[in-house]
Amino acid sequence: MIPMAQYKSARAEAEHSAALLRAALVRAGIPEAEAVRVRPLVTATGRAYVELGAFRLGDVGKLLDVLPVGPGVAGGADSSILTTESFR
């Protein structure tokens, strides 16, 4: 079991990061009702995570529209790049 102070610190960090990510998702056009799936998580060892949950494919397309996806991503210039239209 981790000390309470360590847990609280990790939880605060995870909550802050999750809130920032939820706000970014809403700015990207993802409905707030979907963005709430992003949740803070602290493991038994005290490690902070942000759990993303599951999103509808249309919302994934909106997210991909604002992420820097293109040549050089996912394997380099020789790799096949999926467009966001593939997810709609």
PDB file of N, CA and C in Angstrom:
ATOM      1  N   MET A   1       0.840  -1.184   0.000  1.00  0.00           N
ATOM      2  CA  MET A   1       0.000   0.000   0.000  1.00  0.00           C
ATOM      3  C   MET A   1       0.888   1.253   0.000  1.00  0.00           C
ATOM      4  N   ILE A   2       0.496   2.216  -0.803  1.00  0.00           N
ATOM      5  CA  ILE A   2       1.297   3.434  -0.909  1.00  0.00           C
ATOM      6  C   ILE A   2       0.869   4.443   0.167  1.00  0.00           C
ATOM      7  N   PRO A   3       1.770   5.332   0.543  1.00  0.00           N
ATOM      8  CA  PRO A   3       1.404   6.374   1.501  1.00  0.00           C
ATOM      9  C   PRO A   3       0.302   7.284   0.928  1.00  0.00           C
ATOM     10  N   MET A   4      -0.568   7.763   1.788  1.00  0.00           N
ATOM     11  CA  MET A   4      -1.684   8.594   1.357  1.00  0.00           C
ATOM     12  C   MET A   4      -1.215   9.853   0.642  1.00  0.00           C
ATOM     13  N   ALA A   5      -0.143  10.455   1.094  1.00  0.00           N
ATOM     14  CA  ALA A   5       0.364  11.668   0.453  1.00  0.00           C
ATOM     15  C   ALA A   5       0.781  11.389  -0.988  1.00  0.00           C
ATOM     16  N   GLN A   6       1.399  10.243  -1.218  1.00  0.00           N
ATOM     17  CA  GLN A   6       1.809   9.861  -2.573  1.00  0.00           C
ATOM     18  C   GLN A   6       0.580   9.635  -3.442  1.00  0.00           C
ATOM     19  N   TYR A   7      -0.434   8.956  -2.888  1.00  0.00           N
ATOM     20  CA  TYR A   7      -1.662   8.717  -3.628  1.00  0.00           C
ATOM     21  C   TYR A   7      -2.331  10.037  -4.004  1.00  0.00           C
ATOM     22  N   LYS A   8      -2.458  10.943  -3.029  1.00  0.00           N
ATOM     23  CA  LYS A   8      -3.115  12.230  -3.283  1.00  0.00           C
ATOM     24  C   LYS A   8      -2.369  13.038  -4.338  1.00  0.00           C
ATOM     25  N   SER A   9      -1.057  13.009  -4.300  1.00  0.00           N
ATOM     26  CA  SER A   9      -0.266  13.731  -5.292  1.00  0.00           C
ATOM     27  C   SER A   9      -0.472  13.137  -6.690  1.00  0.00           C
ATOM     28  N   ALA A  10      -0.416  11.817  -6.777  1.00  0.00           N
ATOM     29  CA  ALA A  10      -0.614  11.156  -8.067  1.00  0.00           C
ATOM     30  C   ALA A  10      -2.032  11.387  -8.577  1.00  0.00           C
ATOM     31  N   ARG A  11      -3.012  11.345  -7.679  1.00  0.00           N
ATOM     32  CA  ARG A  11      -4.405  11.555  -8.068  1.00  0.00           C
ATOM     33  C   ARG A  11      -4.607  12.980  -8.579  1.00  0.00           C
ATOM     34  N   ALA A  12      -4.023  13.963  -7.901  1.00  0.00           N
ATOM     35  CA  ALA A  12      -4.147  15.354  -8.339  1.00  0.00           C
ATOM     36  C   ALA A  12      -3.527  15.546  -9.720  1.00  0.00           C
ATOM     37  N   GLU A  13      -2.379  14.931  -9.951  1.00  0.00           N
ATOM     38  CA  GLU A  13      -1.715  15.014 -11.252  1.00  0.00           C
ATOM     39  C   GLU A  13      -2.571  14.374 -12.342  1.00  0.00           C
ATOM     40  N   ALA A  14      -3.126  13.200 -12.057  1.00  0.00           N
ATOM     41  CA  ALA A  14      -3.972  12.505 -13.029  1.00  0.00           C
ATOM     42  C   ALA A  14      -5.255  13.285 -13.293  1.00  0.00           C
ATOM     43  N   GLU A  15      -5.866  13.848 -12.250  1.00  0.00           N
ATOM     44  CA  GLU A  15      -7.091  14.636 -12.425  1.00  0.00           C
ATOM     45  C   GLU A  15      -6.836  15.880 -13.268  1.00  0.00           C
ATOM     46  N   HIS A  16      -5.721  16.554 -13.014  1.00  0.00           N
ATOM     47  CA  HIS A  16      -5.385  17.746 -13.788  1.00  0.00           C
ATOM     48  C   HIS A  16      -5.167  17.404 -15.262  1.00  0.00           C
ATOM     49  N   SER A  17      -4.404  16.354 -15.506  1.00  0.00           N
ATOM     50  CA  SER A  17      -4.134  15.952 -16.893  1.00  0.00           C
ATOM     51  C   SER A  17      -5.407  15.501 -17.598  1.00  0.00           C
ATOM     52  N   ALA A  18      -6.267  14.768 -16.896  1.00  0.00           N
ATOM     53  CA  ALA A  18      -7.529  14.315 -17.484  1.00  0.00           C
ATOM     54  C   ALA A  18      -8.416  15.512 -17.818  1.00  0.00           C
ATOM     55  N   ALA A  19      -8.459  16.506 -16.944  1.00  0.00           N
ATOM     56  CA  ALA A  19      -9.271  17.702 -17.195  1.00  0.00           C
ATOM     57  C   ALA A  19      -8.762  18.460 -18.421  1.00  0.00           C
ATOM     58  N   LEU A  20      -7.448  18.568 -18.557  1.00  0.00           N
ATOM     59  CA  LEU A  20      -6.874  19.238 -19.734  1.00  0.00           C
ATOM     60  C   LEU A  20      -7.219  18.480 -21.008  1.00  0.00           C
ATOM     61  N   LEU A  21      -7.130  17.159 -20.955  1.00  0.00           N
ATOM     62  CA  LEU A  21      -7.440  16.352 -22.133  1.00  0.00           C
ATOM     63  C   LEU A  21      -8.923  16.431 -22.483  1.00  0.00           C
ATOM     64  N   ARG A  22      -9.807  16.405 -21.475  1.00  0.00           N
ATOM     65  CA  ARG A  22     -11.242  16.552 -21.737  1.00  0.00           C
ATOM     66  C   ARG A  22     -11.534  17.895 -22.401  1.00  0.00           C
ATOM     67  N   ALA A  23     -10.916  18.958 -21.917  1.00  0.00           N
ATOM     68  CA  ALA A  23     -11.122  20.289 -22.506  1.00  0.00           C
ATOM     69  C   ALA A  23     -10.640  20.315 -23.955  1.00  0.00           C
ATOM     70  N   ALA A  24      -9.510  19.673 -24.233  1.00  0.00           N
ATOM     71  CA  ALA A  24      -8.996  19.621 -25.604  1.00  0.00           C
ATOM     72  C   ALA A  24      -9.940  18.835 -26.510  1.00  0.00           C
ATOM     73  N   LEU A  25     -10.514  17.759 -26.000  1.00  0.00           N
ATOM     74  CA  LEU A  25     -11.452  16.973 -26.795  1.00  0.00           C
ATOM     75  C   LEU A  25     -12.695  17.786 -27.137  1.00  0.00           C
ATOM     76  N   VAL A  26     -13.202  18.542 -26.172  1.00  0.00           N
ATOM     77  CA  VAL A  26     -14.378  19.374 -26.424  1.00  0.00           C
ATOM     78  C   VAL A  26     -14.037  20.449 -27.465  1.00  0.00           C
ATOM     79  N   ARG A  27     -12.855  21.057 -27.361  1.00  0.00           N
ATOM     80  CA  ARG A  27     -12.434  22.054 -28.368  1.00  0.00           C
ATOM     81  C   ARG A  27     -12.306  21.433 -29.750  1.00  0.00           C
ATOM     82  N   ALA A  28     -12.004  20.126 -29.797  1.00  0.00           N
ATOM     83  CA  ALA A  28     -11.862  19.423 -31.078  1.00  0.00           C
ATOM     84  C   ALA A  28     -13.215  19.037 -31.671  1.00  0.00           C
ATOM     85  N   GLY A  29     -14.298  19.327 -30.930  1.00  0.00           N
ATOM     86  CA  GLY A  29     -15.621  19.038 -31.455  1.00  0.00           C
ATOM     87  C   GLY A  29     -16.260  17.770 -30.914  1.00  0.00           C
ATOM     88  N   ILE A  30     -15.614  17.139 -29.957  1.00  0.00           N
ATOM     89  CA  ILE A  30     -16.181  15.943 -29.360  1.00  0.00           C
ATOM     90  C   ILE A  30     -17.155  16.380 -28.271  1.00  0.00           C
ATOM     91  N   PRO A  31     -18.371  15.859 -28.285  1.00  0.00           N
ATOM     92  CA  PRO A  31     -19.362  16.281 -27.291  1.00  0.00           C
ATOM     93  C   PRO A  31     -18.872  16.029 -25.858  1.00  0.00           C
ATOM     94  N   GLU A  32     -19.240  16.935 -24.968  1.00  0.00           N
ATOM     95  CA  GLU A  32     -18.825  16.800 -23.574  1.00  0.00           C
ATOM     96  C   GLU A  32     -19.299  15.480 -22.972  1.00  0.00           C
ATOM     97  N   ALA A  33     -20.460  15.012 -23.413  1.00  0.00           N
ATOM     98  CA  ALA A  33     -20.979  13.735 -22.919  1.00  0.00           C
ATOM     99  C   ALA A  33     -20.052  12.570 -23.273  1.00  0.00           C
ATOM    100  N   GLU A  34     -19.280  12.718 -24.338  1.00  0.00           N
ATOM    101  CA  GLU A  34     -18.302  11.695 -24.723  1.00  0.00           C
ATOM    102  C   GLU A  34     -16.955  11.948 -24.049  1.00  0.00           C
ATOM    103  N   ALA A  35     -16.588  13.217 -23.892  1.00  0.00           N
ATOM    104  CA  ALA A  35     -15.288  13.562 -23.312  1.00  0.00           C
ATOM    105  C   ALA A  35     -15.183  13.139 -21.851  1.00  0.00           C
ATOM    106  N   VAL A  36     -16.320  12.984 -21.169  1.00  0.00           N
ATOM    107  CA  VAL A  36     -16.258  12.581 -19.757  1.00  0.00           C
ATOM    108  C   VAL A  36     -15.741  11.158 -19.590  1.00  0.00           C
ATOM    109  N   ARG A  37     -15.571  10.441 -20.681  1.00  0.00           N
ATOM    110  CA  ARG A  37     -15.011   9.085 -20.604  1.00  0.00           C
ATOM    111  C   ARG A  37     -13.540   9.112 -20.225  1.00  0.00           C
ATOM    112  N   VAL A  38     -12.909  10.272 -20.352  1.00  0.00           N
ATOM    113  CA  VAL A  38     -11.512  10.435 -19.950  1.00  0.00           C
ATOM    114  C   VAL A  38     -11.487  10.592 -18.432  1.00  0.00           C
ATOM    115  N   ARG A  39     -10.805   9.655 -17.764  1.00  0.00           N
ATOM    116  CA  ARG A  39     -10.830   9.645 -16.301  1.00  0.00           C
ATOM    117  C   ARG A  39      -9.430   9.459 -15.714  1.00  0.00           C
ATOM    118  N   PRO A  40      -9.205  10.063 -14.545  1.00  0.00           N
ATOM    119  CA  PRO A  40      -7.924   9.843 -13.857  1.00  0.00           C
ATOM    120  C   PRO A  40      -7.879   8.453 -13.237  1.00  0.00           C
ATOM    121  N   LEU A  41      -6.687   7.922 -13.098  1.00  0.00           N
ATOM    122  CA  LEU A  41      -6.508   6.591 -12.523  1.00  0.00           C
ATOM    123  C   LEU A  41      -5.183   6.562 -11.777  1.00  0.00           C
ATOM    124  N   VAL A  42      -5.190   5.996 -10.594  1.00  0.00           N
ATOM    125  CA  VAL A  42      -3.963   5.796  -9.831  1.00  0.00           C
ATOM    126  C   VAL A  42      -3.886   4.313  -9.489  1.00  0.00           C
ATOM    127  N   THR A  43      -2.756   3.705  -9.811  1.00  0.00           N
ATOM    128  CA  THR A  43      -2.583   2.274  -9.548  1.00  0.00           C
ATOM    129  C   THR A  43      -2.215   2.036  -8.082  1.00  0.00           C
ATOM    130  N   ALA A  44      -2.209   0.781  -7.695  1.00  0.00           N
ATOM    131  CA  ALA A  44      -1.861   0.403  -6.328  1.00  0.00           C
ATOM    132  C   ALA A  44      -0.419   0.760  -5.989  1.00  0.00           C
ATOM    133  N   THR A  45       0.413   0.914  -7.017  1.00  0.00           N
ATOM    134  CA  THR A  45       1.807   1.292  -6.786  1.00  0.00           C
ATOM    135  C   THR A  45       2.005   2.805  -6.785  1.00  0.00           C
ATOM    136  N   GLY A  46       0.923   3.549  -7.015  1.00  0.00           N
ATOM    137  CA  GLY A  46       1.008   5.003  -6.964  1.00  0.00           C
ATOM    138  C   GLY A  46       1.295   5.677  -8.285  1.00  0.00           C
ATOM    139  N   ARG A  47       1.246   4.947  -9.365  1.00  0.00           N
ATOM    140  CA  ARG A  47       1.505   5.522 -10.682  1.00  0.00           C
ATOM    141  C   ARG A  47       0.233   6.165 -11.216  1.00  0.00           C
ATOM    142  N   ALA A  48       0.366   7.399 -11.729  1.00  0.00           N
ATOM    143  CA  ALA A  48      -0.778   8.143 -12.266  1.00  0.00           C
ATOM    144  C   ALA A  48      -0.952   7.851 -13.751  1.00  0.00           C
ATOM    145  N   TYR A  49      -2.202   7.652 -14.152  1.00  0.00           N
ATOM    146  CA  TYR A  49      -2.566   7.419 -15.547  1.00  0.00           C
ATOM    147  C   TYR A  49      -3.800   8.233 -15.883  1.00  0.00           C
ATOM    148  N   VAL A  50      -4.046   8.383 -17.175  1.00  0.00           N
ATOM    149  CA  VAL A  50      -5.310   8.920 -17.657  1.00  0.00           C
ATOM    150  C   VAL A  50      -5.914   7.853 -18.546  1.00  0.00           C
ATOM    151  N   GLU A  51      -7.084   7.375 -18.158  1.00  0.00           N
ATOM    152  CA  GLU A  51      -7.789   6.351 -18.921  1.00  0.00           C
ATOM    153  C   GLU A  51      -8.659   7.045 -19.966  1.00  0.00           C
ATOM    154  N   LEU A  52      -8.519   6.651 -21.230  1.00  0.00           N
ATOM    155  CA  LEU A  52      -9.237   7.324 -22.306  1.00  0.00           C
ATOM    156  C   LEU A  52     -10.621   6.763 -22.558  1.00  0.00           C
ATOM    157  N   GLY A  53     -10.877   5.526 -22.245  1.00  0.00           N
ATOM    158  CA  GLY A  53     -12.195   4.957 -22.490  1.00  0.00           C
ATOM    159  C   GLY A  53     -12.413   4.669 -23.969  1.00  0.00           C
ATOM    160  N   ALA A  54     -13.661   4.457 -24.342  1.00  0.00           N
ATOM    161  CA  ALA A  54     -14.015   4.132 -25.727  1.00  0.00           C
ATOM    162  C   ALA A  54     -14.761   5.304 -26.347  1.00  0.00           C
ATOM    163  N   PHE A  55     -14.432   5.604 -27.598  1.00  0.00           N
ATOM    164  CA  PHE A  55     -15.068   6.704 -28.321  1.00  0.00           C
ATOM    165  C   PHE A  55     -15.691   6.185 -29.606  1.00  0.00           C
ATOM    166  N   ARG A  56     -16.780   6.809 -30.005  1.00  0.00           N
ATOM    167  CA  ARG A  56     -17.407   6.462 -31.281  1.00  0.00           C
ATOM    168  C   ARG A  56     -16.457   6.825 -32.414  1.00  0.00           C
ATOM    169  N   LEU A  57     -16.553   6.093 -33.504  1.00  0.00           N
ATOM    170  CA  LEU A  57     -15.632   6.321 -34.621  1.00  0.00           C
ATOM    171  C   LEU A  57     -15.741   7.735 -35.173  1.00  0.00           C
ATOM    172  N   GLY A  58     -16.935   8.302 -35.219  1.00  0.00           N
ATOM    173  CA  GLY A  58     -17.081   9.678 -35.691  1.00  0.00           C
ATOM    174  C   GLY A  58     -16.310  10.657 -34.827  1.00  0.00           C
ATOM    175  N   ASP A  59     -16.302  10.422 -33.509  1.00  0.00           N
ATOM    176  CA  ASP A  59     -15.552  11.285 -32.604  1.00  0.00           C
ATOM    177  C   ASP A  59     -14.050  11.071 -32.761  1.00  0.00           C
ATOM    178  N   VAL A  60     -13.647   9.843 -33.045  1.00  0.00           N
ATOM    179  CA  VAL A  60     -12.231   9.576 -33.313  1.00  0.00           C
ATOM    180  C   VAL A  60     -11.794  10.345 -34.558  1.00  0.00           C
ATOM    181  N   GLY A  61     -12.650  10.389 -35.572  1.00  0.00           N
ATOM    182  CA  GLY A  61     -12.339  11.161 -36.777  1.00  0.00           C
ATOM    183  C   GLY A  61     -12.142  12.629 -36.466  1.00  0.00           C
ATOM    184  N   LYS A  62     -12.986  13.196 -35.598  1.00  0.00           N
ATOM    185  CA  LYS A  62     -12.832  14.598 -35.196  1.00  0.00           C
ATOM    186  C   LYS A  62     -11.498  14.810 -34.485  1.00  0.00           C
ATOM    187  N   LEU A  63     -11.142  13.878 -33.624  1.00  0.00           N
ATOM    188  CA  LEU A  63      -9.874  13.985 -32.914  1.00  0.00           C
ATOM    189  C   LEU A  63      -8.703  13.893 -33.876  1.00  0.00           C
ATOM    190  N   LEU A  64      -8.774  12.972 -34.812  1.00  0.00           N
ATOM    191  CA  LEU A  64      -7.690  12.825 -35.781  1.00  0.00           C
ATOM    192  C   LEU A  64      -7.560  14.053 -36.673  1.00  0.00           C
ATOM    193  N   ASP A  65      -8.666  14.760 -36.908  1.00  0.00           N
ATOM    194  CA  ASP A  65      -8.610  15.975 -37.720  1.00  0.00           C
ATOM    195  C   ASP A  65      -7.725  17.046 -37.095  1.00  0.00           C
ATOM    196  N   VAL A  66      -7.628  17.067 -35.771  1.00  0.00           N
ATOM    197  CA  VAL A  66      -6.854  18.111 -35.103  1.00  0.00           C
ATOM    198  C   VAL A  66      -5.477  17.644 -34.646  1.00  0.00           C
ATOM    199  N   LEU A  67      -5.208  16.345 -34.731  1.00  0.00           N
ATOM    200  CA  LEU A  67      -3.886  15.838 -34.366  1.00  0.00           C
ATOM    201  C   LEU A  67      -2.942  15.923 -35.562  1.00  0.00           C
ATOM    202  N   PRO A  68      -1.667  16.150 -35.290  1.00  0.00           N
ATOM    203  CA  PRO A  68      -0.704  16.225 -36.389  1.00  0.00           C
ATOM    204  C   PRO A  68      -0.375  14.841 -36.943  1.00  0.00           C
ATOM    205  N   VAL A  69      -1.234  14.352 -37.832  1.00  0.00           N
ATOM    206  CA  VAL A  69      -1.046  13.037 -38.438  1.00  0.00           C
ATOM    207  C   VAL A  69      -0.684  13.238 -39.901  1.00  0.00           C
ATOM    208  N   GLY A  70       0.364  12.601 -40.331  1.00  0.00           N
ATOM    209  CA  GLY A  70       0.777  12.741 -41.719  1.00  0.00           C
ATOM    210  C   GLY A  70       2.053  11.976 -41.973  1.00  0.00           C
ATOM    211  N   PRO A  71       2.761  12.292 -43.059  1.00  0.00           N
ATOM    212  CA  PRO A  71       4.015  11.603 -43.365  1.00  0.00           C
ATOM    213  C   PRO A  71       4.987  11.687 -42.198  1.00  0.00           C
ATOM    214  N   GLY A  72       5.675  10.603 -41.965  1.00  0.00           N
ATOM    215  CA  GLY A  72       6.618  10.564 -40.860  1.00  0.00           C
ATOM    216  C   GLY A  72       5.993  10.006 -39.593  1.00  0.00           C
ATOM    217  N   VAL A  73       4.684   9.848 -39.580  1.00  0.00           N
ATOM    218  CA  VAL A  73       3.993   9.278 -38.431  1.00  0.00           C
ATOM    219  C   VAL A  73       3.661   7.831 -38.753  1.00  0.00           C
ATOM    220  N   ALA A  74       3.703   6.989 -37.771  1.00  0.00           N
ATOM    221  CA  ALA A  74       3.343   5.576 -37.910  1.00  0.00           C
ATOM    222  C   ALA A  74       4.191   4.854 -38.945  1.00  0.00           C
ATOM    223  N   GLY A  75       5.486   5.011 -38.865  1.00  0.00           N
ATOM    224  CA  GLY A  75       6.348   4.188 -39.692  1.00  0.00           C
ATOM    225  C   GLY A  75       7.130   4.922 -40.771  1.00  0.00           C
ATOM    226  N   GLY A  76       6.981   6.199 -40.887  1.00  0.00           N
ATOM    227  CA  GLY A  76       7.788   6.937 -41.834  1.00  0.00           C
ATOM    228  C   GLY A  76       7.084   7.218 -43.134  1.00  0.00           C
ATOM    229  N   ALA A  77       7.800   7.842 -44.041  1.00  0.00           N
ATOM    230  CA  ALA A  77       7.232   8.298 -45.307  1.00  0.00           C
ATOM    231  C   ALA A  77       6.769   7.140 -46.193  1.00  0.00           C
ATOM    232  N   ASP A  78       7.337   5.958 -45.996  1.00  0.00           N
ATOM    233  CA  ASP A  78       6.958   4.817 -46.825  1.00  0.00           C
ATOM    234  C   ASP A  78       5.671   4.146 -46.360  1.00  0.00           C
ATOM    235  N   SER A  79       5.193   4.496 -45.166  1.00  0.00           N
ATOM    236  CA  SER A  79       4.011   3.805 -44.638  1.00  0.00           C
ATOM    237  C   SER A  79       2.736   4.348 -45.256  1.00  0.00           C
ATOM    238  N   SER A  80       1.706   3.531 -45.234  1.00  0.00           N
ATOM    239  CA  SER A  80       0.399   3.958 -45.714  1.00  0.00           C
ATOM    240  C   SER A  80      -0.259   4.796 -44.634  1.00  0.00           C
ATOM    241  N   ILE A  81      -0.817   5.926 -45.009  1.00  0.00           N
ATOM    242  CA  ILE A  81      -1.474   6.819 -44.065  1.00  0.00           C
ATOM    243  C   ILE A  81      -2.972   6.730 -44.281  1.00  0.00           C
ATOM    244  N   LEU A  82      -3.712   6.450 -43.214  1.00  0.00           N
ATOM    245  CA  LEU A  82      -5.163   6.464 -43.287  1.00  0.00           C
ATOM    246  C   LEU A  82      -5.647   7.894 -43.122  1.00  0.00           C
ATOM    247  N   THR A  83      -6.623   8.261 -43.892  1.00  0.00           N
ATOM    248  CA  THR A  83      -7.218   9.582 -43.714  1.00  0.00           C
ATOM    249  C   THR A  83      -8.313   9.467 -42.660  1.00  0.00           C
ATOM    250  N   THR A  84      -8.712  10.609 -42.126  1.00  0.00           N
ATOM    251  CA  THR A  84      -9.770  10.589 -41.116  1.00  0.00           C
ATOM    252  C   THR A  84     -11.081  10.122 -41.711  1.00  0.00           C
ATOM    253  N   GLU A  85     -11.247  10.228 -42.996  1.00  0.00           N
ATOM    254  CA  GLU A  85     -12.482   9.748 -43.654  1.00  0.00           C
ATOM    255  C   GLU A  85     -12.624   8.238 -43.474  1.00  0.00           C
ATOM    256  N   SER A  86     -11.523   7.535 -43.251  1.00  0.00           N
ATOM    257  CA  SER A  86     -11.582   6.094 -43.037  1.00  0.00           C
ATOM    258  C   SER A  86     -12.358   5.717 -41.784  1.00  0.00           C
ATOM    259  N   PHE A  87     -12.520   6.675 -40.870  1.00  0.00           N
ATOM    260  CA  PHE A  87     -13.137   6.399 -39.579  1.00  0.00           C
ATOM    261  C   PHE A  87     -14.570   6.912 -39.492  1.00  0.00           C
ATOM    262  N   ARG A  88     -15.113   7.411 -40.566  1.00  0.00           N
ATOM    263  CA  ARG A  88     -16.469   7.975 -40.529  1.00  0.00           C
ATOM    264  C   ARG A  88     -17.446   7.090 -41.226  1.00  0.00           C
TER     265      ARG A  88
END
